């Protein structure tokens, strides 16, 4: 962090007029960022950039705040501007990270490779390697599904299952999922949805056994860990729950759907302090079609003391998904209890 520079122009009536320079604004912005006061951080950093528009560090720090609040395009615009006038190598990693969040994995890979080519042992080299590993894993997972996802028949099934699962209509989801597993045996996600529907429709042992078998086949499966954390929490198996929830607390996926899955699991298992920032960092445009986003985001906001925020999220959810009106908001549950 750069040092704050105090400039004193003179003395008048025993008052020392202080004219802030860019370093002052930058420091205030970083302090606000560290306290997760992102709106204030943006204001300070913008002032710093105005004072020193040629300072690449200031623009990069502002881009990091934009990334944190999900404004990836604004962040990328800043980083691209920096690269047009300087060779500030960190920009390549920051761009790679943003493109990954946007789901543009080819661009993410290109910039991560560029960063490592220019700075093989740079400050972000470990993160860049990890990002490339994630991209490769996601590419491998998607290979089996690309052809299937182009088929109209599968899409119709997926939409039906999505509707029932999001509205927690487990008994209605099960026959559709069973049909899907017969017609599309290679579609992995179907089996994870099936175990969840099975568990919540009264067959916990069968659901856990099936999910454990899948985890054995793929020990890194995000969906197995989210389901098993949820299942073990529900049956009160604390030790097993801890094992899977700890795994999830250390995972930060690229795709919004996977991020949402983890946030929902954390909320459903009472980990509201951990869930809330996960929900806050989601790109709403990509997840607002999920009633679960509004349902569990509201709950986590309420239980960490953000009651006003919880009310706003819940009202927005009801407007988008009228079926939520049939459910109780967290404060209604509390007053009833």
Protein backbone atom coordinates (compact mmCIF):
# COMPACT_ATOMS: atom_id res chain seq x y z
CA UNK A 1 0.00 0.00 0.00
CA UNK A 2 1.29 3.47 -0.81
CA UNK A 3 1.89 5.99 1.98
CA UNK A 4 -0.45 8.89 2.56
CA UNK A 5 1.10 12.20 1.59
CA UNK A 6 0.03 15.30 3.48
CA UNK A 7 0.45 18.59 1.62
CA UNK A 8 0.27 21.74 3.71
CA UNK A 9 0.11 24.94 1.67
CA UNK A 10 0.19 27.39 4.53
CA UNK A 11 -1.25 28.57 7.79
CA UNK A 12 -4.27 30.81 8.18
CA UNK A 13 -6.13 31.55 11.43
CA UNK A 14 -4.37 28.60 13.08
CA UNK A 15 -6.01 26.22 10.53
CA UNK A 16 -3.80 23.95 8.46
CA UNK A 17 -5.58 23.58 5.11
CA UNK A 18 -5.12 20.02 3.89
CA UNK A 19 -5.24 19.32 0.16
CA UNK A 20 -5.60 15.57 -0.39
CA UNK A 21 -3.61 13.99 -3.18
CA UNK A 22 -4.22 10.66 -4.89
CA UNK A 23 -2.43 8.65 -2.19
CA UNK A 24 -4.90 9.85 0.44
CA UNK A 25 -7.92 8.83 -1.64
CA UNK A 26 -6.29 5.52 -2.53
CA UNK A 27 -5.60 4.69 1.12
CA UNK A 28 -9.16 5.60 2.16
CA UNK A 29 -10.51 3.46 -0.67
CA UNK A 30 -8.44 0.44 0.35
CA UNK A 31 -9.53 0.85 3.98
CA UNK A 32 -13.20 0.93 2.94
CA UNK A 33 -12.64 -2.09 0.68
CA UNK A 34 -11.08 -4.06 3.54
CA UNK A 35 -14.17 -3.27 5.65
CA UNK A 36 -16.32 -4.50 2.71
CA UNK A 37 -17.89 -1.03 2.33
CA UNK A 38 -17.75 -1.33 -1.44
CA UNK A 39 -19.84 1.73 -2.40
CA UNK A 40 -17.60 3.99 -0.32
CA UNK A 41 -14.47 2.27 -1.65
CA UNK A 42 -15.55 2.93 -5.24
CA UNK A 43 -16.07 6.65 -4.49
CA UNK A 44 -12.61 7.03 -2.93
CA UNK A 45 -10.84 5.08 -5.66
CA UNK A 46 -12.58 7.07 -8.40
CA UNK A 47 -11.25 10.24 -6.76
CA UNK A 48 -7.77 8.71 -6.64
CA UNK A 49 -7.96 7.86 -10.35
CA UNK A 50 -9.13 11.42 -11.14
CA UNK A 51 -6.10 12.79 -9.28
CA UNK A 52 -3.63 10.40 -10.91
CA UNK A 53 -5.21 9.01 -14.09
CA UNK A 54 -1.89 7.52 -15.20
CA UNK A 55 -1.41 5.45 -12.03
CA UNK A 56 -2.05 1.81 -13.03
CA UNK A 57 -2.23 0.67 -9.40
CA UNK A 58 -5.22 2.90 -8.65
CA UNK A 59 -7.18 1.66 -11.67
CA UNK A 60 -6.36 -1.97 -10.91
CA UNK A 61 -7.54 -1.58 -7.31
CA UNK A 62 -10.77 0.00 -8.53
CA UNK A 63 -11.21 -2.92 -10.96
CA UNK A 64 -10.83 -5.37 -8.06
CA UNK A 65 -13.68 -3.64 -6.21
CA UNK A 66 -15.83 -3.79 -9.34
CA UNK A 67 -15.07 -7.51 -9.56
CA UNK A 68 -16.07 -7.98 -5.92
CA UNK A 69 -19.50 -6.43 -6.54
CA UNK A 70 -20.03 -8.33 -9.79
CA UNK A 71 -19.45 -5.41 -12.20
CA UNK A 72 -17.12 -7.49 -14.36
CA UNK A 73 -17.53 -5.46 -17.55
CA UNK A 74 -16.65 -2.20 -15.77
CA UNK A 75 -13.62 -3.93 -14.23
CA UNK A 76 -12.46 -5.23 -17.62
CA UNK A 77 -12.84 -1.81 -19.22
CA UNK A 78 -10.51 -0.31 -16.60
CA UNK A 79 -7.95 -3.10 -16.99
CA UNK A 80 -8.00 -2.81 -20.79
CA UNK A 81 -7.41 0.95 -20.47
CA UNK A 82 -4.39 0.30 -18.25
CA UNK A 83 -2.89 -2.17 -20.73
CA UNK A 84 -3.24 0.36 -23.57
CA UNK A 85 -0.91 2.77 -21.81
CA UNK A 86 1.35 0.52 -19.71
CA UNK A 87 2.62 -3.02 -19.29
CA UNK A 88 1.09 -3.62 -15.85
CA UNK A 89 1.25 -7.43 -15.92
CA UNK A 90 -1.18 -8.03 -13.03
CA UNK A 91 -3.93 -6.84 -15.38
CA UNK A 92 -3.68 -10.08 -17.35
CA UNK A 93 -4.54 -12.21 -14.32
CA UNK A 94 -7.32 -9.84 -13.22
CA UNK A 95 -8.82 -9.98 -16.72
CA UNK A 96 -8.58 -13.79 -16.71
CA UNK A 97 -10.41 -13.93 -13.38
CA UNK A 98 -13.19 -11.62 -14.62
CA UNK A 99 -13.69 -13.51 -17.87
CA UNK A 100 -13.93 -16.73 -15.88
CA UNK A 101 -16.69 -15.23 -13.74
CA UNK A 102 -18.51 -14.21 -16.92
CA UNK A 103 -18.29 -17.79 -18.20
CA UNK A 104 -16.00 -16.78 -21.09
CA UNK A 105 -13.52 -19.57 -20.43
CA UNK A 106 -11.52 -19.25 -23.66
CA UNK A 107 -10.77 -15.60 -22.89
CA UNK A 108 -10.00 -16.49 -19.27
CA UNK A 109 -7.52 -19.15 -20.39
CA UNK A 110 -5.87 -16.76 -22.88
CA UNK A 111 -5.21 -14.08 -20.26
CA UNK A 112 -4.14 -16.54 -17.56
CA UNK A 113 -1.61 -18.04 -20.00
CA UNK A 114 -0.42 -14.53 -20.92
CA UNK A 115 0.10 -13.65 -17.27
CA UNK A 116 2.11 -16.81 -16.59
CA UNK A 117 4.14 -16.29 -19.75
CA UNK A 118 5.13 -12.79 -18.60
CA UNK A 119 5.32 -13.44 -14.83
CA UNK A 120 5.84 -17.19 -14.20
CA UNK A 121 6.59 -16.47 -10.54
CA UNK A 122 4.46 -13.34 -10.10
CA UNK A 123 2.19 -12.43 -7.20
CA UNK A 124 -0.79 -14.08 -8.92
CA UNK A 125 1.01 -17.08 -10.45
CA UNK A 126 -0.49 -19.56 -7.97
CA UNK A 127 -3.99 -18.16 -8.56
CA UNK A 128 -3.46 -18.26 -12.35
CA UNK A 129 -2.41 -21.93 -12.23
CA UNK A 130 -5.44 -22.74 -10.06
CA UNK A 131 -7.73 -20.88 -12.45
CA UNK A 132 -6.39 -22.85 -15.42
CA UNK A 133 -6.92 -26.10 -13.51
CA UNK A 134 -10.53 -25.10 -12.81
CA UNK A 135 -11.10 -24.22 -16.46
CA UNK A 136 -9.71 -27.59 -17.56
CA UNK A 137 -11.88 -29.44 -15.01
CA UNK A 138 -15.01 -27.60 -16.16
CA UNK A 139 -14.16 -28.28 -19.81
CA UNK A 140 -13.87 -32.00 -19.00
CA UNK A 141 -17.17 -32.02 -17.11
CA UNK A 142 -18.98 -30.27 -19.95
CA UNK A 143 -17.77 -32.58 -22.75
CA UNK A 144 -20.33 -35.32 -22.07
CA UNK A 145 -23.22 -32.90 -21.88
CA UNK A 146 -22.74 -30.56 -24.84
CA UNK A 147 -24.34 -32.83 -27.43
CA UNK A 148 -27.16 -33.73 -25.09
CA UNK A 149 -27.93 -30.15 -24.18
CA UNK A 150 -28.63 -29.36 -27.81
CA UNK A 151 -31.49 -31.84 -27.86
CA UNK A 152 -34.93 -30.32 -27.47
CA UNK A 153 -36.21 -33.37 -25.60
CA UNK A 154 -33.61 -33.10 -22.86
CA UNK A 155 -34.21 -29.36 -22.50
CA UNK A 156 -37.92 -29.96 -21.91
CA UNK A 157 -37.11 -32.51 -19.21
CA UNK A 158 -34.57 -30.16 -17.63
CA UNK A 159 -37.03 -27.28 -17.48
CA UNK A 160 -39.66 -29.52 -15.87
CA UNK A 161 -37.22 -30.82 -13.26
CA UNK A 162 -35.87 -27.33 -12.60
CA UNK A 163 -39.39 -26.05 -11.87
CA UNK A 164 -40.23 -28.89 -9.45
CA UNK A 165 -36.85 -28.81 -7.68
CA UNK A 166 -36.84 -25.03 -7.24
CA UNK A 167 -40.34 -25.16 -5.78
CA UNK A 168 -39.38 -28.14 -3.57
CA UNK A 169 -42.02 -30.37 -5.22
CA UNK A 170 -39.97 -33.52 -4.64
CA UNK A 171 -42.66 -36.11 -5.36
CA UNK A 172 -43.38 -34.50 -8.73
CA UNK A 173 -39.69 -34.33 -9.62
CA UNK A 174 -38.89 -38.01 -8.93
CA UNK A 175 -40.80 -39.69 -11.84
CA UNK A 176 -39.41 -37.13 -14.31
CA UNK A 177 -35.86 -37.68 -13.02
CA UNK A 178 -36.25 -41.48 -13.20
CA UNK A 179 -37.31 -41.15 -16.83
CA UNK A 180 -34.34 -38.87 -17.54
CA UNK A 181 -31.88 -41.33 -16.00
CA UNK A 182 -33.19 -44.01 -18.37
CA UNK A 183 -33.17 -41.81 -21.47
CA UNK A 184 -29.97 -39.85 -20.73
CA UNK A 185 -27.78 -42.07 -18.51
CA UNK A 186 -24.66 -39.94 -19.14
CA UNK A 187 -26.25 -36.75 -17.84
CA UNK A 188 -24.57 -36.51 -14.42
CA UNK A 189 -26.61 -33.68 -12.92
CA UNK A 190 -29.82 -35.74 -13.14
CA UNK A 191 -28.51 -38.25 -10.58
CA UNK A 192 -27.62 -35.53 -8.07
CA UNK A 193 -31.07 -33.96 -8.42
CA UNK A 194 -32.57 -37.42 -8.01
CA UNK A 195 -30.79 -38.11 -4.70
CA UNK A 196 -31.97 -34.75 -3.33
CA UNK A 197 -35.58 -35.39 -4.37
CA UNK A 198 -35.29 -38.91 -2.94
CA UNK A 199 -33.96 -37.65 0.39
CA UNK A 200 -36.66 -35.02 0.89
CA UNK A 201 -39.47 -37.36 -0.14
CA UNK A 202 -38.65 -39.73 2.74
CA UNK A 203 -35.85 -42.02 1.56
CA UNK A 204 -32.73 -40.61 3.27
CA UNK A 205 -30.70 -43.84 3.51
CA UNK A 206 -31.09 -44.66 -0.17
CA UNK A 207 -30.23 -41.06 -1.16
CA UNK A 208 -27.07 -40.97 0.98
CA UNK A 209 -25.89 -44.37 -0.26
CA UNK A 210 -26.37 -43.34 -3.90
CA UNK A 211 -24.56 -40.02 -3.37
CA UNK A 212 -21.64 -41.70 -1.58
CA UNK A 213 -21.24 -44.08 -4.54
CA UNK A 214 -21.06 -41.11 -6.91
CA UNK A 215 -18.56 -39.34 -4.65
CA UNK A 216 -16.35 -42.45 -4.71
CA UNK A 217 -16.37 -42.32 -8.52
CA UNK A 218 -15.63 -38.57 -8.52
CA UNK A 219 -14.11 -37.36 -5.20
CA UNK A 220 -14.08 -33.73 -6.42
CA UNK A 221 -17.77 -33.60 -7.31
CA UNK A 222 -19.17 -30.29 -6.07
CA UNK A 223 -22.72 -31.65 -6.28
CA UNK A 224 -21.94 -34.70 -4.15
CA UNK A 225 -20.42 -32.50 -1.44
CA UNK A 226 -23.37 -30.05 -1.45
CA UNK A 227 -25.92 -32.87 -1.27
CA UNK A 228 -24.08 -34.84 1.42
CA UNK A 229 -23.55 -31.72 3.55
CA UNK A 230 -27.29 -31.06 3.34
CA UNK A 231 -28.29 -34.68 3.99
CA UNK A 232 -26.01 -35.15 7.00
CA UNK A 233 -27.12 -31.80 8.46
CA UNK A 234 -30.75 -32.85 8.16
CA UNK A 235 -30.22 -36.17 9.96
CA UNK A 236 -27.95 -34.62 12.62
CA UNK A 237 -24.76 -36.47 11.65
CA UNK A 238 -22.46 -33.65 12.76
CA UNK A 239 -19.09 -35.25 12.05
CA UNK A 240 -19.98 -36.21 8.48
CA UNK A 241 -21.63 -32.84 7.92
CA UNK A 242 -18.50 -31.00 9.09
CA UNK A 243 -16.36 -32.95 6.64
CA UNK A 244 -18.41 -31.92 3.60
CA UNK A 245 -19.21 -28.36 4.67
CA UNK A 246 -15.50 -27.66 5.25
CA UNK A 247 -14.81 -28.78 1.69
CA UNK A 248 -17.46 -26.36 0.40
CA UNK A 249 -16.17 -23.44 2.48
CA UNK A 250 -12.87 -23.71 0.61
CA UNK A 251 -14.40 -23.90 -2.88
CA UNK A 252 -15.05 -20.84 -5.05
CA UNK A 253 -16.41 -22.03 -8.42
CA UNK A 254 -16.42 -20.03 -11.64
CA UNK A 255 -20.01 -20.51 -12.85
CA UNK A 256 -22.87 -18.65 -11.16
CA UNK A 257 -25.06 -21.78 -10.95
CA UNK A 258 -22.37 -23.60 -8.97
CA UNK A 259 -21.80 -20.55 -6.76
CA UNK A 260 -25.53 -20.43 -6.08
CA UNK A 261 -25.57 -24.13 -5.22
CA UNK A 262 -22.93 -23.61 -2.53
CA UNK A 263 -24.61 -20.46 -1.16
CA UNK A 264 -27.96 -22.26 -0.90
CA UNK A 265 -26.36 -25.27 0.82
CA UNK A 266 -24.64 -23.02 3.36
CA UNK A 267 -27.91 -21.22 4.08
CA UNK A 268 -29.94 -24.43 4.33
CA UNK A 269 -27.47 -25.80 6.87
CA UNK A 270 -27.45 -22.69 9.07
CA UNK A 271 -24.09 -21.29 7.87
CA UNK A 272 -25.62 -17.85 7.30
CA UNK A 273 -22.47 -15.80 7.97
CA UNK A 274 -20.67 -17.74 5.23
CA UNK A 275 -23.69 -17.86 2.91
CA UNK A 276 -24.51 -14.14 2.88
CA UNK A 277 -21.35 -12.85 1.10
CA UNK A 278 -21.66 -15.73 -1.39
CA UNK A 279 -25.18 -14.60 -2.27
CA UNK A 280 -24.08 -10.95 -2.37
CA UNK A 281 -21.35 -11.70 -4.91
CA UNK A 282 -23.66 -13.49 -7.35
CA UNK A 283 -24.55 -11.83 -10.65
CA UNK A 284 -28.30 -11.45 -10.10
CA UNK A 285 -29.11 -11.43 -13.80
CA UNK A 286 -27.83 -15.01 -14.02
CA UNK A 287 -29.64 -16.45 -10.99
CA UNK A 288 -32.87 -14.45 -10.63
CA UNK A 289 -34.77 -17.25 -12.39
CA UNK A 290 -34.18 -19.42 -9.30
CA UNK A 291 -36.73 -19.06 -6.49
CA UNK A 292 -34.07 -20.66 -4.25
CA UNK A 293 -31.87 -17.58 -4.73
CA UNK A 294 -34.49 -15.30 -3.18
CA UNK A 295 -35.70 -17.87 -0.61
CA UNK A 296 -32.32 -18.61 0.97
CA UNK A 297 -30.67 -15.22 0.39
CA UNK A 298 -33.55 -13.70 2.37
CA UNK A 299 -33.06 -16.21 5.17
CA UNK A 300 -29.32 -15.62 5.47
CA UNK A 301 -29.75 -11.83 5.36
CA UNK A 302 -32.38 -12.02 8.10
CA UNK A 303 -30.36 -14.27 10.40
CA UNK A 304 -27.20 -12.15 10.24
CA UNK A 305 -29.21 -9.09 11.25
CA UNK A 306 -29.78 -7.49 7.81
CA UNK A 307 -33.55 -7.33 8.25
CA UNK A 308 -34.16 -4.46 5.83
CA UNK A 309 -32.10 -6.15 3.14
CA UNK A 310 -33.98 -9.40 3.78
CA UNK A 311 -37.32 -7.65 3.25
CA UNK A 312 -36.17 -6.09 -0.02
CA UNK A 313 -34.90 -9.46 -1.35
CA UNK A 314 -38.10 -11.23 -0.31
CA UNK A 315 -40.36 -8.64 -1.95
CA UNK A 316 -38.32 -8.81 -5.14
CA UNK A 317 -38.54 -12.61 -5.05
CA UNK A 318 -42.31 -12.58 -4.65
CA UNK A 319 -42.64 -10.23 -7.61
CA UNK A 320 -40.50 -12.51 -9.75
CA UNK A 321 -41.84 -15.83 -8.39
CA UNK A 322 -45.43 -15.44 -7.08
CA UNK A 323 -45.40 -19.00 -5.67
CA UNK A 324 -43.13 -17.73 -2.89
CA UNK A 325 -46.20 -16.01 -1.38
CA UNK A 326 -47.31 -19.48 -0.23
CA UNK A 327 -44.15 -19.78 1.87
CA UNK A 328 -43.37 -18.11 5.18
CA UNK A 329 -40.73 -15.39 5.31
CA UNK A 330 -38.08 -15.94 8.05
CA UNK A 331 -39.60 -13.25 10.31
CA UNK A 332 -43.01 -14.94 10.07
CA UNK A 333 -41.45 -18.23 11.12
CA UNK A 334 -39.70 -16.52 14.06
CA UNK A 335 -42.87 -14.86 15.34
CA UNK A 336 -44.77 -18.15 15.08
CA UNK A 337 -42.08 -19.96 17.04
